[in-house]
Amino acid sequence: MSTRPEAPLSHFFFFSFPVSRQFGWYQLLVFYPLIVGMPYLVGPDIYSRVLCARDGDSARRASLLAAAAVVPISLILALLGLLIHASFPGITPEAALPHAVSVLSPAGLKGLIVVGIMGAIMSSADTTLISASTVVSLNVVSPLAGLDQKGELRLTKTLVLVIGCGAWGIAAFQEGIITSLLLAFTVFVGGVALPTLASFWKDRLGVNSAGAFWAVLVGGGLAVLGEVREGAGLRFVLGESGMAALERALGQEALAILPLILSGAVLLLLSRASRRKEGRE
């Protein structure tokens, strides 16, 4: 006898497209394109694979083919998620996949599916961990401490352990994987996204390493403050009136979008200020 409950018709509002009662135009046009979409433009796990290509043409073709494959796969995964949500009313997003595998998969395939999921997680996790350690070592600590190549290598190895333990600790206090991913995306986009994108047009935009360095620190630090205890520190500094004005300007996810804006402002202003200073000298 099936353990799957019957889904009332009211649960099929999740199939509303492109928005629904729980996913509005703000999420569709502002929050998710910025916070979830931008990491696909500057993700170090993606760049690390592109840099392994034989030449520029190979990297270009592989990127286009991968993008073409990601779109239909993403739509299929989203549809599966909606079907699971409609079939198991009230289930939390984090429990949807494990519950569906447990209830719907044949006994012989459950182990293979779990192994495949764990393999995908580990593949992304090790690449992201190494990339994060490299960014902190080469782009943040080394410019301040003046490390040589051997020192940078030792520091990167140490940071792999430190960041891994820190990520483990943060994950232990998060409510679920979706919350953890949004936290990581917010900090990454707030600190790293714009400086990385601007580096492709650094001469045209007039940005340099000094501006990028402080943009990473200011944007990333502000993003962390915006996530700690739901941004209690920033809310205290801004006050009720300041927070209300910020939300009117940037929407309900203002504390996630503000670091991105300030990171861009710091990048442009400090780059131009440092160029003027170098010109006078």
Protein backbone atom coordinates (compact mmCIF):
# COMPACT_ATOMS: atom_id res chain seq x y z
CA MET A 1 0.00 0.00 0.00
CA SER A 2 1.43 3.40 -0.95
CA THR A 3 2.45 5.80 1.82
CA ARG A 4 2.11 8.78 -0.49
CA PRO A 5 -0.69 11.14 0.61
CA GLU A 6 -3.12 12.57 -1.87
CA ALA A 7 -2.27 16.17 -2.73
CA PRO A 8 -5.22 18.57 -2.53
CA LEU A 9 -5.78 20.84 -5.49
CA SER A 10 -4.66 23.85 -3.42
CA HIS A 11 -1.11 22.53 -3.46
CA PHE A 12 -0.87 22.79 -7.24
CA PHE A 13 -0.47 26.58 -7.08
CA PHE A 14 3.26 25.78 -7.08
CA PHE A 15 2.91 25.14 -10.80
CA SER A 16 1.99 28.78 -11.42
CA PHE A 17 4.43 30.27 -13.91
CA PRO A 18 6.51 32.40 -13.78
CA VAL A 19 5.43 33.50 -10.29
CA SER A 20 3.33 32.03 -7.52
CA ARG A 21 2.06 32.97 -4.07
CA GLN A 22 5.45 32.11 -2.55
CA PHE A 23 7.69 33.21 -5.42
CA GLY A 24 6.92 36.70 -6.68
CA TRP A 25 8.31 39.11 -9.26
CA TYR A 26 10.86 40.47 -6.79
CA GLN A 27 12.43 37.03 -6.35
CA LEU A 28 12.25 36.32 -10.09
CA LEU A 29 13.69 39.59 -11.40
CA VAL A 30 15.89 40.91 -8.58
CA PHE A 31 16.93 38.61 -5.75
CA TYR A 32 17.63 35.27 -7.43
CA PRO A 33 19.29 36.67 -10.60
CA LEU A 34 21.69 38.68 -8.42
CA ILE A 35 22.37 36.35 -5.49
CA VAL A 36 22.02 32.95 -7.19
CA GLY A 37 22.70 33.87 -10.83
CA MET A 38 25.93 35.86 -10.46
CA PRO A 39 27.96 32.97 -9.00
CA TYR A 40 27.51 31.22 -12.35
CA LEU A 41 29.34 34.14 -13.98
CA VAL A 42 32.27 34.24 -11.57
CA GLY A 43 32.22 30.86 -9.81
CA PRO A 44 35.78 29.62 -9.18
CA ASP A 45 34.61 26.03 -9.58
CA ILE A 46 33.56 26.93 -13.14
CA TYR A 47 36.73 28.89 -13.93
CA SER A 48 38.94 26.10 -12.67
CA ARG A 49 37.43 23.81 -15.30
CA VAL A 50 37.66 26.42 -18.07
CA LEU A 51 41.34 26.99 -17.33
CA CYS A 52 41.99 23.27 -17.87
CA ALA A 53 40.94 23.57 -21.52
CA ARG A 54 43.49 22.98 -24.27
CA ASP A 55 43.01 26.42 -25.82
CA GLY A 56 40.59 29.34 -26.01
CA ASP A 57 38.41 27.79 -28.71
CA SER A 58 38.02 24.58 -26.72
CA ALA A 59 37.07 26.54 -23.61
CA ARG A 60 34.53 28.57 -25.58
CA ARG A 61 32.90 25.52 -27.19
CA ALA A 62 32.81 23.62 -23.90
CA SER A 63 31.25 26.58 -22.10
CA LEU A 64 28.52 26.96 -24.71
CA LEU A 65 27.76 23.22 -24.73
CA ALA A 66 27.67 23.10 -20.93
CA ALA A 67 25.34 26.11 -20.79
CA ALA A 68 23.06 24.54 -23.40
CA ALA A 69 22.92 21.33 -21.34
CA VAL A 70 22.37 23.09 -18.01
CA VAL A 71 19.17 24.85 -19.11
CA PRO A 72 17.02 21.76 -19.85
CA ILE A 73 18.53 19.84 -16.93
CA SER A 74 17.69 22.71 -14.57
CA LEU A 75 14.12 22.84 -15.86
CA ILE A 76 13.74 19.09 -15.37
CA LEU A 77 15.11 19.28 -11.82
CA ALA A 78 12.81 22.19 -10.99
CA LEU A 79 9.83 20.28 -12.37
CA LEU A 80 10.75 17.22 -10.31
CA GLY A 81 10.96 19.41 -7.23
CA LEU A 82 7.50 20.83 -7.90
CA LEU A 83 6.07 17.35 -8.45
CA ILE A 84 7.57 16.11 -5.18
CA HIS A 85 6.25 19.15 -3.33
CA ALA A 86 2.77 18.59 -4.75
CA SER A 87 2.87 14.85 -4.02
CA PHE A 88 4.03 15.23 -0.41
CA PRO A 89 2.23 18.29 1.00
CA GLY A 90 3.91 20.07 3.89
CA ILE A 91 7.34 18.50 3.39
CA THR A 92 10.32 20.81 3.93
CA PRO A 93 12.48 21.60 0.88
CA GLU A 94 15.55 19.96 2.46
CA ALA A 95 13.64 16.72 3.09
CA ALA A 96 12.02 16.52 -0.35
CA LEU A 97 14.74 14.59 -2.18
CA PRO A 98 15.60 12.10 0.62
CA HIS A 99 11.92 11.42 1.20
CA ALA A 100 11.19 10.94 -2.49
CA VAL A 101 14.15 8.56 -2.88
CA SER A 102 13.02 6.61 0.18
CA VAL A 103 9.38 6.29 -0.90
CA LEU A 104 9.49 6.20 -4.69
CA SER A 105 12.79 4.51 -5.63
CA PRO A 106 13.08 0.73 -6.01
CA ALA A 107 15.07 -0.94 -3.27
CA GLY A 108 17.97 -1.79 -5.55
CA LEU A 109 18.41 1.77 -6.82
CA LYS A 110 18.29 3.68 -3.54
CA GLY A 111 21.94 3.03 -2.73
CA LEU A 112 23.10 4.01 -6.22
CA ILE A 113 21.10 7.25 -6.11
CA VAL A 114 22.52 8.19 -2.70
CA VAL A 115 26.07 7.42 -3.85
CA GLY A 116 25.56 9.57 -6.96
CA ILE A 117 24.25 12.48 -4.89
CA MET A 118 27.16 12.24 -2.45
CA GLY A 119 29.64 12.08 -5.33
CA ALA A 120 28.21 15.25 -6.86
CA ILE A 121 28.33 17.04 -3.50
CA MET A 122 31.93 16.00 -2.82
CA SER A 123 33.04 16.98 -6.33
CA SER A 124 31.68 20.51 -5.92
CA ALA A 125 32.73 20.83 -2.28
CA ASP A 126 36.44 20.09 -2.77
CA THR A 127 36.69 22.45 -5.77
CA THR A 128 34.92 25.24 -3.87
CA LEU A 129 37.04 24.69 -0.75
CA ILE A 130 40.32 24.87 -2.66
CA SER A 131 39.14 27.91 -4.61
CA ALA A 132 38.06 29.74 -1.45
CA SER A 133 41.40 29.02 0.23
CA THR A 134 43.28 30.24 -2.83
CA VAL A 135 41.27 33.48 -3.04
CA VAL A 136 41.87 34.28 0.64
CA SER A 137 45.56 33.39 0.45
CA LEU A 138 46.54 35.07 -2.83
CA ASN A 139 44.10 37.97 -3.00
CA VAL A 140 43.60 38.99 0.63
CA VAL A 141 46.40 37.83 2.96
CA SER A 142 49.38 37.82 0.58
CA PRO A 143 49.05 41.49 -0.51
CA LEU A 144 48.99 42.52 3.15
CA ALA A 145 51.74 40.20 4.42
CA GLY A 146 53.99 40.20 1.34
CA LEU A 147 54.31 36.41 1.17
CA ASP A 148 56.51 34.63 -1.34
CA GLN A 149 55.32 31.68 -3.42
CA LYS A 150 56.23 29.08 -0.79
CA GLY A 151 54.53 31.10 1.92
CA GLU A 152 51.37 31.40 -0.19
CA LEU A 153 51.36 27.64 -0.77
CA ARG A 154 51.73 26.88 2.96
CA LEU A 155 49.02 29.39 3.82
CA THR A 156 46.64 27.96 1.20
CA LYS A 157 47.07 24.45 2.63
CA THR A 158 46.38 25.75 6.13
CA LEU A 159 43.33 27.70 4.97
CA VAL A 160 41.84 24.57 3.39
CA LEU A 161 41.65 23.08 6.88
CA VAL A 162 40.55 26.33 8.57
CA ILE A 163 37.83 27.19 6.04
CA GLY A 164 36.65 23.58 5.95
CA CYS A 165 36.24 23.52 9.73
CA GLY A 166 34.56 26.93 9.64
CA ALA A 167 32.13 25.77 6.95
CA TRP A 168 31.38 22.66 8.98
CA GLY A 169 30.65 24.80 12.04
CA ILE A 170 28.40 27.18 10.10
CA ALA A 171 26.51 24.27 8.51
CA ALA A 172 25.89 22.78 11.95
CA PHE A 173 23.91 25.88 12.97
CA GLN A 174 22.01 26.36 9.71
CA GLU A 175 18.42 25.19 9.31
CA GLY A 176 19.07 23.37 6.04
CA ILE A 177 21.10 23.16 2.86
CA ILE A 178 19.08 25.83 1.03
CA THR A 179 19.69 28.32 3.84
CA SER A 180 23.39 27.45 3.81
CA LEU A 181 23.63 27.90 0.03
CA LEU A 182 21.92 31.30 0.16
CA LEU A 183 24.32 32.35 2.94
CA ALA A 184 27.32 31.31 0.84
CA PHE A 185 25.96 32.95 -2.30
CA THR A 186 25.25 36.20 -0.44
CA VAL A 187 28.79 36.48 0.97
CA PHE A 188 30.39 35.40 -2.31
CA VAL A 189 28.36 37.79 -4.46
CA GLY A 190 28.72 40.67 -2.01
CA GLY A 191 32.49 40.43 -1.91
CA VAL A 192 33.87 38.70 -5.00
CA ALA A 193 31.40 38.92 -7.87
CA LEU A 194 31.79 42.51 -9.08
CA PRO A 195 35.60 42.77 -8.68
CA THR A 196 35.98 39.54 -10.66
CA LEU A 197 33.64 40.64 -13.45
CA ALA A 198 35.22 44.11 -13.58
CA SER A 199 38.67 42.58 -14.05
CA PHE A 200 37.68 41.54 -17.59
CA TRP A 201 37.24 45.22 -18.51
CA LYS A 202 39.63 46.78 -16.03
CA ASP A 203 41.14 49.24 -18.51
CA ARG A 204 37.77 50.43 -19.75
CA LEU A 205 36.30 50.70 -16.25
CA GLY A 206 39.47 52.11 -14.71
CA VAL A 207 39.66 49.61 -11.85
CA ASN A 208 42.81 48.23 -10.27
CA SER A 209 43.95 45.77 -7.62
CA ALA A 210 43.73 48.29 -4.77
CA GLY A 211 40.07 48.99 -5.45
CA ALA A 212 39.32 45.29 -5.93
CA PHE A 213 41.04 44.41 -2.65
CA TRP A 214 38.92 46.80 -0.59
CA ALA A 215 35.78 45.93 -2.53
CA VAL A 216 36.23 42.28 -1.52
CA LEU A 217 36.77 43.21 2.13
CA VAL A 218 33.95 45.75 2.39
CA GLY A 219 31.39 43.80 0.37
CA GLY A 220 32.20 40.42 1.89
CA GLY A 221 32.41 41.78 5.45
CA LEU A 222 29.11 43.61 5.11
CA ALA A 223 27.48 40.49 3.67
CA VAL A 224 28.64 38.48 6.70
CA LEU A 225 27.24 41.13 9.07
CA GLY A 226 23.97 41.07 7.15
CA GLU A 227 23.64 37.33 7.75
CA VAL A 228 24.77 37.05 11.39
CA ARG A 229 21.67 36.86 13.58
CA GLU A 230 19.57 38.03 10.63
CA GLY A 231 21.57 41.24 10.33
CA ALA A 232 21.00 42.37 13.91
CA GLY A 233 24.18 44.48 13.92
CA LEU A 234 23.34 46.34 10.72
CA ARG A 235 19.73 46.81 11.81
CA PHE A 236 20.97 48.38 15.03
CA VAL A 237 23.31 50.75 13.17
CA LEU A 238 20.69 51.76 10.62
CA GLY A 239 17.83 52.03 13.08
CA GLU A 240 14.20 51.36 12.29
CA SER A 241 13.79 54.37 10.01
CA GLY A 242 17.02 53.67 8.11
CA MET A 243 16.14 49.99 7.70
CA ALA A 244 12.67 50.86 6.46
CA ALA A 245 14.11 53.30 3.91
CA LEU A 246 16.62 50.69 2.76
CA GLU A 247 13.91 48.08 2.28
CA ARG A 248 11.78 50.55 0.34
CA ALA A 249 14.71 51.17 -2.00
CA LEU A 250 16.09 47.62 -2.37
CA GLY A 251 13.18 45.39 -1.38
CA GLN A 252 12.73 42.78 1.30
CA GLU A 253 16.21 41.26 0.74
CA ALA A 254 17.94 44.62 1.18
CA LEU A 255 20.65 43.27 3.50
CA ALA A 256 21.71 40.77 0.82
CA ILE A 257 21.75 43.28 -2.04
CA LEU A 258 23.35 46.21 -0.19
CA PRO A 259 26.83 44.56 0.02
CA LEU A 260 26.83 44.10 -3.76
CA ILE A 261 26.07 47.79 -4.34
CA LEU A 262 28.67 48.99 -1.84
CA SER A 263 31.26 46.58 -3.25
CA GLY A 264 30.79 48.12 -6.69
CA ALA A 265 30.95 51.66 -5.31
CA VAL A 266 34.15 50.95 -3.35
CA LEU A 267 35.69 49.24 -6.38
CA LEU A 268 35.15 52.23 -8.68
CA LEU A 269 35.84 55.04 -6.20
CA LEU A 270 39.01 53.63 -4.63
CA SER A 271 40.40 52.50 -7.99
CA ARG A 272 40.06 56.01 -9.38
CA ALA A 273 41.39 57.57 -6.18
CA SER A 274 44.47 55.35 -6.19
CA ARG A 275 45.08 56.08 -9.89
CA ARG A 276 44.98 59.83 -9.21
CA LYS A 277 47.41 59.37 -6.34
CA GLU A 278 49.79 57.36 -8.53
CA GLY A 279 49.52 60.05 -11.22
CA ARG A 280 50.47 62.82 -8.81
CA GLU A 281 53.45 60.84 -7.56
